[in-house]
Amino acid sequence: MSYSVLLSDEAREYYGSLDEKSQSIVKRNLEKLEDEPYPRPDAGSGDREKVTVEGEEMYRLHIGRTHTAFYVVLKDEKQVRVVSIMTIDEAHKRYGH
């Protein structure tokens, strides 16, 4: 099943502020969500995890050792909606780990 990956205005703004190399890394990682948006125990990388943020269940994706994306999966619409992207440090400050 292939999902469309959509960025919120906040996520798009953060992405646009990155340098070209960082944009490439973020884009490549977000594209992985098209085929497999859910965490898998056998994935090995531990880059995706289900989390609760401000009372809402969503998923967290670590991108490299620098960025974190938070997203929700709308299974019926076959969409992955990226709510926000931020530095890993900012994500840890705002949401803990």
PDB file of N, CA and C in Angstrom:
ATOM      1  N   MET A   1       0.853  -1.177   0.000  1.00  0.00           N
ATOM      2  CA  MET A   1       0.000   0.000   0.000  1.00  0.00           C
ATOM      3  C   MET A   1       0.897   1.238   0.000  1.00  0.00           C
ATOM      4  N   SER A   2       0.648   2.147  -0.905  1.00  0.00           N
ATOM      5  CA  SER A   2       1.454   3.353  -0.993  1.00  0.00           C
ATOM      6  C   SER A   2       0.680   4.545  -0.427  1.00  0.00           C
ATOM      7  N   TYR A   3       1.354   5.301   0.416  1.00  0.00           N
ATOM      8  CA  TYR A   3       0.757   6.466   1.055  1.00  0.00           C
ATOM      9  C   TYR A   3       1.293   7.751   0.426  1.00  0.00           C
ATOM     10  N   SER A   4       0.483   8.796   0.441  1.00  0.00           N
ATOM     11  CA  SER A   4       0.953  10.130   0.071  1.00  0.00           C
ATOM     12  C   SER A   4       1.511  10.770   1.333  1.00  0.00           C
ATOM     13  N   VAL A   5       2.673  11.385   1.225  1.00  0.00           N
ATOM     14  CA  VAL A   5       3.269  12.078   2.364  1.00  0.00           C
ATOM     15  C   VAL A   5       3.032  13.572   2.177  1.00  0.00           C
ATOM     16  N   LEU A   6       2.290  14.167   3.118  1.00  0.00           N
ATOM     17  CA  LEU A   6       1.934  15.583   3.039  1.00  0.00           C
ATOM     18  C   LEU A   6       2.555  16.332   4.216  1.00  0.00           C
ATOM     19  N   LEU A   7       3.078  17.521   3.956  1.00  0.00           N
ATOM     20  CA  LEU A   7       3.697  18.324   5.003  1.00  0.00           C
ATOM     21  C   LEU A   7       2.770  19.463   5.415  1.00  0.00           C
ATOM     22  N   SER A   8       2.661  19.674   6.718  1.00  0.00           N
ATOM     23  CA  SER A   8       1.918  20.829   7.237  1.00  0.00           C
ATOM     24  C   SER A   8       2.708  22.090   6.894  1.00  0.00           C
ATOM     25  N   ASP A   9       2.085  23.241   7.068  1.00  0.00           N
ATOM     26  CA  ASP A   9       2.787  24.507   6.819  1.00  0.00           C
ATOM     27  C   ASP A   9       4.024  24.619   7.708  1.00  0.00           C
ATOM     28  N   GLU A  10       3.886  24.211   8.970  1.00  0.00           N
ATOM     29  CA  GLU A  10       5.017  24.270   9.910  1.00  0.00           C
ATOM     30  C   GLU A  10       6.163  23.377   9.440  1.00  0.00           C
ATOM     31  N   ALA A  11       5.837  22.164   9.021  1.00  0.00           N
ATOM     32  CA  ALA A  11       6.871  21.230   8.554  1.00  0.00           C
ATOM     33  C   ALA A  11       7.524  21.753   7.269  1.00  0.00           C
ATOM     34  N   ARG A  12       6.716  22.307   6.387  1.00  0.00           N
ATOM     35  CA  ARG A  12       7.227  22.848   5.115  1.00  0.00           C
ATOM     36  C   ARG A  12       8.176  24.031   5.369  1.00  0.00           C
ATOM     37  N   GLU A  13       7.828  24.855   6.358  1.00  0.00           N
ATOM     38  CA  GLU A  13       8.664  26.011   6.694  1.00  0.00           C
ATOM     39  C   GLU A  13      10.025  25.558   7.229  1.00  0.00           C
ATOM     40  N   TYR A  14      10.012  24.568   8.125  1.00  0.00           N
ATOM     41  CA  TYR A  14      11.274  24.043   8.665  1.00  0.00           C
ATOM     42  C   TYR A  14      12.116  23.440   7.540  1.00  0.00           C
ATOM     43  N   TYR A  15      11.479  22.636   6.706  1.00  0.00           N
ATOM     44  CA  TYR A  15      12.172  21.999   5.587  1.00  0.00           C
ATOM     45  C   TYR A  15      12.809  23.057   4.692  1.00  0.00           C
ATOM     46  N   GLY A  16      12.064  24.112   4.408  1.00  0.00           N
ATOM     47  CA  GLY A  16      12.564  25.178   3.536  1.00  0.00           C
ATOM     48  C   GLY A  16      13.736  25.935   4.129  1.00  0.00           C
ATOM     49  N   SER A  17      13.877  25.910   5.459  1.00  0.00           N
ATOM     50  CA  SER A  17      14.968  26.634   6.115  1.00  0.00           C
ATOM     51  C   SER A  17      16.277  25.841   6.115  1.00  0.00           C
ATOM     52  N   LEU A  18      16.214  24.574   5.730  1.00  0.00           N
ATOM     53  CA  LEU A  18      17.401  23.716   5.760  1.00  0.00           C
ATOM     54  C   LEU A  18      18.283  23.942   4.544  1.00  0.00           C
ATOM     55  N   ASP A  19      19.571  23.619   4.701  1.00  0.00           N
ATOM     56  CA  ASP A  19      20.463  23.679   3.545  1.00  0.00           C
ATOM     57  C   ASP A  19      20.151  22.505   2.616  1.00  0.00           C
ATOM     58  N   GLU A  20      20.714  22.551   1.433  1.00  0.00           N
ATOM     59  CA  GLU A  20      20.382  21.571   0.394  1.00  0.00           C
ATOM     60  C   GLU A  20      20.669  20.131   0.818  1.00  0.00           C
ATOM     61  N   LYS A  21      21.804  19.918   1.472  1.00  0.00           N
ATOM     62  CA  LYS A  21      22.167  18.558   1.903  1.00  0.00           C
ATOM     63  C   LYS A  21      21.166  18.037   2.942  1.00  0.00           C
ATOM     64  N   SER A  22      20.814  18.875   3.910  1.00  0.00           N
ATOM     65  CA  SER A  22      19.853  18.471   4.938  1.00  0.00           C
ATOM     66  C   SER A  22      18.480  18.213   4.325  1.00  0.00           C
ATOM     67  N   GLN A  23      18.066  19.050   3.370  1.00  0.00           N
ATOM     68  CA  GLN A  23      16.790  18.829   2.692  1.00  0.00           C
ATOM     69  C   GLN A  23      16.774  17.465   2.011  1.00  0.00           C
ATOM     70  N   SER A  24      17.878  17.115   1.379  1.00  0.00           N
ATOM     71  CA  SER A  24      17.975  15.830   0.689  1.00  0.00           C
ATOM     72  C   SER A  24      17.828  14.663   1.666  1.00  0.00           C
ATOM     73  N   ILE A  25      18.481  14.768   2.816  1.00  0.00           N
ATOM     74  CA  ILE A  25      18.410  13.709   3.838  1.00  0.00           C
ATOM     75  C   ILE A  25      16.988  13.600   4.381  1.00  0.00           C
ATOM     76  N   VAL A  26      16.376  14.730   4.704  1.00  0.00           N
ATOM     77  CA  VAL A  26      15.013  14.728   5.238  1.00  0.00           C
ATOM     78  C   VAL A  26      14.047  14.153   4.209  1.00  0.00           C
ATOM     79  N   LYS A  27      14.161  14.608   2.973  1.00  0.00           N
ATOM     80  CA  LYS A  27      13.262  14.137   1.917  1.00  0.00           C
ATOM     81  C   LYS A  27      13.377  12.627   1.729  1.00  0.00           C
ATOM     82  N   ARG A  28      14.610  12.127   1.687  1.00  0.00           N
ATOM     83  CA  ARG A  28      14.835  10.685   1.489  1.00  0.00           C
ATOM     84  C   ARG A  28      14.191   9.879   2.620  1.00  0.00           C
ATOM     85  N   ASN A  29      14.296  10.367   3.841  1.00  0.00           N
ATOM     86  CA  ASN A  29      13.710   9.654   4.980  1.00  0.00           C
ATOM     87  C   ASN A  29      12.188   9.732   4.984  1.00  0.00           C
ATOM     88  N   LEU A  30      11.636  10.889   4.644  1.00  0.00           N
ATOM     89  CA  LEU A  30      10.177  11.017   4.595  1.00  0.00           C
ATOM     90  C   LEU A  30       9.591  10.147   3.491  1.00  0.00           C
ATOM     91  N   GLU A  31      10.325   9.996   2.400  1.00  0.00           N
ATOM     92  CA  GLU A  31       9.842   9.147   1.297  1.00  0.00           C
ATOM     93  C   GLU A  31       9.695   7.693   1.724  1.00  0.00           C
ATOM     94  N   LYS A  32      10.461   7.257   2.708  1.00  0.00           N
ATOM     95  CA  LYS A  32      10.337   5.882   3.222  1.00  0.00           C
ATOM     96  C   LYS A  32       8.947   5.638   3.808  1.00  0.00           C
ATOM     97  N   LEU A  33       8.308   6.710   4.288  1.00  0.00           N
ATOM     98  CA  LEU A  33       6.982   6.580   4.900  1.00  0.00           C
ATOM     99  C   LEU A  33       5.912   6.252   3.864  1.00  0.00           C
ATOM    100  N   GLU A  34       6.197   6.493   2.582  1.00  0.00           N
ATOM    101  CA  GLU A  34       5.224   6.174   1.533  1.00  0.00           C
ATOM    102  C   GLU A  34       4.894   4.687   1.527  1.00  0.00           C
ATOM    103  N   ASP A  35       5.887   3.859   1.786  1.00  0.00           N
ATOM    104  CA  ASP A  35       5.695   2.406   1.750  1.00  0.00           C
ATOM    105  C   ASP A  35       5.472   1.793   3.126  1.00  0.00           C
ATOM    106  N   GLU A  36       6.059   2.381   4.153  1.00  0.00           N
ATOM    107  CA  GLU A  36       5.977   1.787   5.487  1.00  0.00           C
ATOM    108  C   GLU A  36       5.941   2.875   6.564  1.00  0.00           C
ATOM    109  N   PRO A  37       4.753   3.440   6.832  1.00  0.00           N
ATOM    110  CA  PRO A  37       4.683   4.515   7.819  1.00  0.00           C
ATOM    111  C   PRO A  37       4.681   4.044   9.280  1.00  0.00           C
ATOM    112  N   TYR A  38       4.415   2.772   9.488  1.00  0.00           N
ATOM    113  CA  TYR A  38       4.296   2.272  10.868  1.00  0.00           C
ATOM    114  C   TYR A  38       5.618   1.712  11.374  1.00  0.00           C
ATOM    115  N   PRO A  39       5.865   1.829  12.687  1.00  0.00           N
ATOM    116  CA  PRO A  39       7.063   1.203  13.263  1.00  0.00           C
ATOM    117  C   PRO A  39       7.001  -0.315  13.094  1.00  0.00           C
ATOM    118  N   ARG A  40       8.133  -0.928  12.839  1.00  0.00           N
ATOM    119  CA  ARG A  40       8.197  -2.387  12.726  1.00  0.00           C
ATOM    120  C   ARG A  40       9.254  -2.886  13.703  1.00  0.00           C
ATOM    121  N   PRO A  41       8.908  -3.907  14.483  1.00  0.00           N
ATOM    122  CA  PRO A  41       9.879  -4.429  15.452  1.00  0.00           C
ATOM    123  C   PRO A  41      11.149  -4.948  14.786  1.00  0.00           C
ATOM    124  N   ASP A  42      11.033  -5.441  13.566  1.00  0.00           N
ATOM    125  CA  ASP A  42      12.201  -6.025  12.895  1.00  0.00           C
ATOM    126  C   ASP A  42      12.961  -5.015  12.052  1.00  0.00           C
ATOM    127  N   ALA A  43      12.606  -3.728  12.125  1.00  0.00           N
ATOM    128  CA  ALA A  43      13.257  -2.716  11.292  1.00  0.00           C
ATOM    129  C   ALA A  43      14.708  -2.509  11.698  1.00  0.00           C
ATOM    130  N   GLY A  44      15.001  -2.714  12.983  1.00  0.00           N
ATOM    131  CA  GLY A  44      16.387  -2.637  13.420  1.00  0.00           C
ATOM    132  C   GLY A  44      16.883  -1.234  13.691  1.00  0.00           C
ATOM    133  N   SER A  45      16.419  -0.258  12.931  1.00  0.00           N
ATOM    134  CA  SER A  45      16.971   1.090  13.075  1.00  0.00           C
ATOM    135  C   SER A  45      16.359   1.835  14.256  1.00  0.00           C
ATOM    136  N   GLY A  46      15.145   1.455  14.657  1.00  0.00           N
ATOM    137  CA  GLY A  46      14.505   2.135  15.772  1.00  0.00           C
ATOM    138  C   GLY A  46      14.179   3.583  15.475  1.00  0.00           C
ATOM    139  N   ASP A  47      14.048   3.913  14.187  1.00  0.00           N
ATOM    140  CA  ASP A  47      13.834   5.312  13.833  1.00  0.00           C
ATOM    141  C   ASP A  47      12.380   5.749  13.966  1.00  0.00           C
ATOM    142  N   ARG A  48      11.425   4.816  14.015  1.00  0.00           N
ATOM    143  CA  ARG A  48      10.001   5.155  14.128  1.00  0.00           C
ATOM    144  C   ARG A  48       9.435   4.631  15.437  1.00  0.00           C
ATOM    145  N   GLU A  49       8.593   5.453  16.051  1.00  0.00           N
ATOM    146  CA  GLU A  49       8.004   5.043  17.324  1.00  0.00           C
ATOM    147  C   GLU A  49       6.655   5.737  17.491  1.00  0.00           C
ATOM    148  N   LYS A  50       5.693   5.008  18.062  1.00  0.00           N
ATOM    149  CA  LYS A  50       4.392   5.600  18.377  1.00  0.00           C
ATOM    150  C   LYS A  50       4.550   6.384  19.672  1.00  0.00           C
ATOM    151  N   VAL A  51       4.098   7.639  19.661  1.00  0.00           N
ATOM    152  CA  VAL A  51       4.236   8.508  20.828  1.00  0.00           C
ATOM    153  C   VAL A  51       2.919   9.250  21.057  1.00  0.00           C
ATOM    154  N   THR A  52       2.765   9.809  22.246  1.00  0.00           N
ATOM    155  CA  THR A  52       1.629  10.672  22.539  1.00  0.00           C
ATOM    156  C   THR A  52       2.170  12.078  22.739  1.00  0.00           C
ATOM    157  N   VAL A  53       1.697  13.000  21.920  1.00  0.00           N
ATOM    158  CA  VAL A  53       2.142  14.386  21.978  1.00  0.00           C
ATOM    159  C   VAL A  53       0.926  15.259  22.267  1.00  0.00           C
ATOM    160  N   GLU A  54       0.999  15.954  23.383  1.00  0.00           N
ATOM    161  CA  GLU A  54      -0.089  16.838  23.797  1.00  0.00           C
ATOM    162  C   GLU A  54      -1.441  16.127  23.709  1.00  0.00           C
ATOM    163  N   GLY A  55      -1.468  14.878  24.187  1.00  0.00           N
ATOM    164  CA  GLY A  55      -2.694  14.099  24.253  1.00  0.00           C
ATOM    165  C   GLY A  55      -3.106  13.424  22.947  1.00  0.00           C
ATOM    166  N   GLU A  56      -2.331  13.605  21.895  1.00  0.00           N
ATOM    167  CA  GLU A  56      -2.678  13.018  20.598  1.00  0.00           C
ATOM    168  C   GLU A  56      -1.670  11.933  20.227  1.00  0.00           C
ATOM    169  N   GLU A  57      -2.195  10.781  19.814  1.00  0.00           N
ATOM    170  CA  GLU A  57      -1.299   9.709  19.379  1.00  0.00           C
ATOM    171  C   GLU A  57      -0.792  10.003  17.977  1.00  0.00           C
ATOM    172  N   MET A  58       0.519   9.896  17.822  1.00  0.00           N
ATOM    173  CA  MET A  58       1.132  10.078  16.509  1.00  0.00           C
ATOM    174  C   MET A  58       2.421   9.283  16.484  1.00  0.00           C
ATOM    175  N   TYR A  59       3.172   9.447  15.436  1.00  0.00           N
ATOM    176  CA  TYR A  59       4.430   8.722  15.283  1.00  0.00           C
ATOM    177  C   TYR A  59       5.575   9.709  15.204  1.00  0.00           C
ATOM    178  N   ARG A  60       6.724   9.229  15.644  1.00  0.00           N
ATOM    179  CA  ARG A  60       7.939  10.017  15.607  1.00  0.00           C
ATOM    180  C   ARG A  60       8.929   9.315  14.700  1.00  0.00           C
ATOM    181  N   LEU A  61       9.589  10.083  13.858  1.00  0.00           N
ATOM    182  CA  LEU A  61      10.612   9.538  12.967  1.00  0.00           C
ATOM    183  C   LEU A  61      11.905  10.304  13.203  1.00  0.00           C
ATOM    184  N   HIS A  62      12.947   9.598  13.647  1.00  0.00           N
ATOM    185  CA  HIS A  62      14.267  10.226  13.740  1.00  0.00           C
ATOM    186  C   HIS A  62      14.872  10.218  12.344  1.00  0.00           C
ATOM    187  N   ILE A  63      15.419  11.352  11.961  1.00  0.00           N
ATOM    188  CA  ILE A  63      16.056  11.488  10.652  1.00  0.00           C
ATOM    189  C   ILE A  63      17.520  11.793  10.906  1.00  0.00           C
ATOM    190  N   GLY A  64      18.366  10.803  10.608  1.00  0.00           N
ATOM    191  CA  GLY A  64      19.776  10.941  10.937  1.00  0.00           C
ATOM    192  C   GLY A  64      19.901  11.142  12.440  1.00  0.00           C
ATOM    193  N   ARG A  65      20.856  11.929  12.832  1.00  0.00           N
ATOM    194  CA  ARG A  65      21.015  12.246  14.257  1.00  0.00           C
ATOM    195  C   ARG A  65      20.697  13.714  14.501  1.00  0.00           C
ATOM    196  N   THR A  66      19.970  14.303  13.561  1.00  0.00           N
ATOM    197  CA  THR A  66      19.783  15.748  13.591  1.00  0.00           C
ATOM    198  C   THR A  66      18.328  16.189  13.688  1.00  0.00           C
ATOM    199  N   HIS A  67      17.436  15.535  12.959  1.00  0.00           N
ATOM    200  CA  HIS A  67      16.050  15.995  12.843  1.00  0.00           C
ATOM    201  C   HIS A  67      15.067  14.934  13.349  1.00  0.00           C
ATOM    202  N   THR A  68      13.887  15.407  13.750  1.00  0.00           N
ATOM    203  CA  THR A  68      12.791  14.538  14.154  1.00  0.00           C
ATOM    204  C   THR A  68      11.523  15.026  13.470  1.00  0.00           C
ATOM    205  N   ALA A  69      10.775  14.100  12.887  1.00  0.00           N
ATOM    206  CA  ALA A  69       9.481  14.433  12.292  1.00  0.00           C
ATOM    207  C   ALA A  69       8.394  13.758  13.112  1.00  0.00           C
ATOM    208  N   PHE A  70       7.300  14.466  13.329  1.00  0.00           N
ATOM    209  CA  PHE A  70       6.125  13.905  13.977  1.00  0.00           C
ATOM    210  C   PHE A  70       5.033  13.827  12.915  1.00  0.00           C
ATOM    211  N   TYR A  71       4.349  12.689  12.851  1.00  0.00           N
ATOM    212  CA  TYR A  71       3.350  12.518  11.800  1.00  0.00           C
ATOM    213  C   TYR A  71       2.199  11.636  12.266  1.00  0.00           C
ATOM    214  N   VAL A  72       1.088  11.756  11.545  1.00  0.00           N
ATOM    215  CA  VAL A  72      -0.073  10.900  11.773  1.00  0.00           C
ATOM    216  C   VAL A  72      -0.351  10.151  10.478  1.00  0.00           C
ATOM    217  N   VAL A  73      -0.930   8.965  10.619  1.00  0.00           N
ATOM    218  CA  VAL A  73      -1.261   8.141   9.459  1.00  0.00           C
ATOM    219  C   VAL A  73      -2.782   8.086   9.332  1.00  0.00           C
ATOM    220  N   LEU A  74      -3.268   8.477   8.181  1.00  0.00           N
ATOM    221  CA  LEU A  74      -4.702   8.377   7.878  1.00  0.00           C
ATOM    222  C   LEU A  74      -4.856   7.208   6.918  1.00  0.00           C
ATOM    223  N   LYS A  75      -5.104   6.048   7.511  1.00  0.00           N
ATOM    224  CA  LYS A  75      -5.116   4.800   6.753  1.00  0.00           C
ATOM    225  C   LYS A  75      -6.154   4.819   5.627  1.00  0.00           C
ATOM    226  N   ASP A  76      -7.378   5.263   5.937  1.00  0.00           N
ATOM    227  CA  ASP A  76      -8.444   5.261   4.929  1.00  0.00           C
ATOM    228  C   ASP A  76      -8.128   6.170   3.746  1.00  0.00           C
ATOM    229  N   GLU A  77      -7.467   7.293   4.024  1.00  0.00           N
ATOM    230  CA  GLU A  77      -7.114   8.236   2.951  1.00  0.00           C
ATOM    231  C   GLU A  77      -5.762   7.911   2.319  1.00  0.00           C
ATOM    232  N   LYS A  78      -5.068   6.906   2.886  1.00  0.00           N
ATOM    233  CA  LYS A  78      -3.719   6.534   2.441  1.00  0.00           C
ATOM    234  C   LYS A  78      -2.787   7.744   2.456  1.00  0.00           C
ATOM    235  N   GLN A  79      -2.830   8.461   3.605  1.00  0.00           N
ATOM    236  CA  GLN A  79      -2.003   9.652   3.755  1.00  0.00           C
ATOM    237  C   GLN A  79      -1.155   9.570   5.010  1.00  0.00           C
ATOM    238  N   VAL A  80       0.054  10.097   4.889  1.00  0.00           N
ATOM    239  CA  VAL A  80       0.916  10.346   6.036  1.00  0.00           C
ATOM    240  C   VAL A  80       1.007  11.857   6.120  1.00  0.00           C
ATOM    241  N   ARG A  81       0.527  12.421   7.209  1.00  0.00           N
ATOM    242  CA  ARG A  81       0.567  13.876   7.377  1.00  0.00           C
ATOM    243  C   ARG A  81       1.652  14.231   8.380  1.00  0.00           C
ATOM    244  N   VAL A  82       2.692  14.881   7.886  1.00  0.00           N
ATOM    245  CA  VAL A  82       3.799  15.308   8.735  1.00  0.00           C
ATOM    246  C   VAL A  82       3.364  16.595   9.435  1.00  0.00           C
ATOM    247  N   VAL A  83       3.189  16.492  10.747  1.00  0.00           N
ATOM    248  CA  VAL A  83       2.695  17.605  11.547  1.00  0.00           C
ATOM    249  C   VAL A  83       3.803  18.627  11.773  1.00  0.00           C
ATOM    250  N   SER A  84       4.996  18.138  12.124  1.00  0.00           N
ATOM    251  CA  SER A  84       6.121  19.042  12.352  1.00  0.00           C
ATOM    252  C   SER A  84       7.436  18.311  12.178  1.00  0.00           C
ATOM    253  N   ILE A  85       8.446  19.099  11.856  1.00  0.00           N
ATOM    254  CA  ILE A  85       9.829  18.618  11.781  1.00  0.00           C
ATOM    255  C   ILE A  85      10.632  19.611  12.606  1.00  0.00           C
ATOM    256  N   MET A  86      11.554  19.090  13.409  1.00  0.00           N
ATOM    257  CA  MET A  86      12.377  19.956  14.253  1.00  0.00           C
ATOM    258  C   MET A  86      13.696  19.250  14.530  1.00  0.00           C
ATOM    259  N   THR A  87      14.598  19.958  15.191  1.00  0.00           N
ATOM    260  CA  THR A  87      15.848  19.305  15.568  1.00  0.00           C
ATOM    261  C   THR A  87      15.535  18.261  16.641  1.00  0.00           C
ATOM    262  N   ILE A  88      16.372  17.267  16.732  1.00  0.00           N
ATOM    263  CA  ILE A  88      16.190  16.234  17.761  1.00  0.00           C
ATOM    264  C   ILE A  88      16.228  16.870  19.150  1.00  0.00           C
ATOM    265  N   ASP A  89      17.142  17.820  19.360  1.00  0.00           N
ATOM    266  CA  ASP A  89      17.240  18.485  20.654  1.00  0.00           C
ATOM    267  C   ASP A  89      15.939  19.200  21.003  1.00  0.00           C
ATOM    268  N   GLU A  90      15.360  19.906  20.026  1.00  0.00           N
ATOM    269  CA  GLU A  90      14.096  20.603  20.245  1.00  0.00           C
ATOM    270  C   GLU A  90      12.983  19.602  20.566  1.00  0.00           C
ATOM    271  N   ALA A  91      12.950  18.480  19.844  1.00  0.00           N
ATOM    272  CA  ALA A  91      11.935  17.453  20.086  1.00  0.00           C
ATOM    273  C   ALA A  91      12.050  16.906  21.508  1.00  0.00           C
ATOM    274  N   HIS A  92      13.274  16.671  21.962  1.00  0.00           N
ATOM    275  CA  HIS A  92      13.464  16.145  23.316  1.00  0.00           C
ATOM    276  C   HIS A  92      13.046  17.163  24.368  1.00  0.00           C
ATOM    277  N   LYS A  93      13.327  18.439  24.122  1.00  0.00           N
ATOM    278  CA  LYS A  93      12.937  19.490  25.059  1.00  0.00           C
ATOM    279  C   LYS A  93      11.425  19.613  25.138  1.00  0.00           C
ATOM    280  N   ARG A  94      10.767  19.560  23.988  1.00  0.00           N
ATOM    281  CA  ARG A  94       9.318  19.769  23.940  1.00  0.00           C
ATOM    282  C   ARG A  94       8.519  18.547  24.371  1.00  0.00           C
ATOM    283  N   TYR A  95       9.013  17.361  24.048  1.00  0.00           N
ATOM    284  CA  TYR A  95       8.190  16.157  24.251  1.00  0.00           C
ATOM    285  C   TYR A  95       8.834  15.105  25.124  1.00  0.00           C
ATOM    286  N   GLY A  96      10.047  15.321  25.569  1.00  0.00           N
ATOM    287  CA  GLY A  96      10.717  14.294  26.363  1.00  0.00           C
ATOM    288  C   GLY A  96      11.060  13.105  25.489  1.00  0.00           C
ATOM    289  N   HIS A  97      11.574  12.066  26.108  1.00  0.00           N
ATOM    290  CA  HIS A  97      11.915  10.879  25.302  1.00  0.00           C
ATOM    291  C   HIS A  97      11.672   9.628  26.095  1.00  0.00           C
TER     292      HIS A  97
END
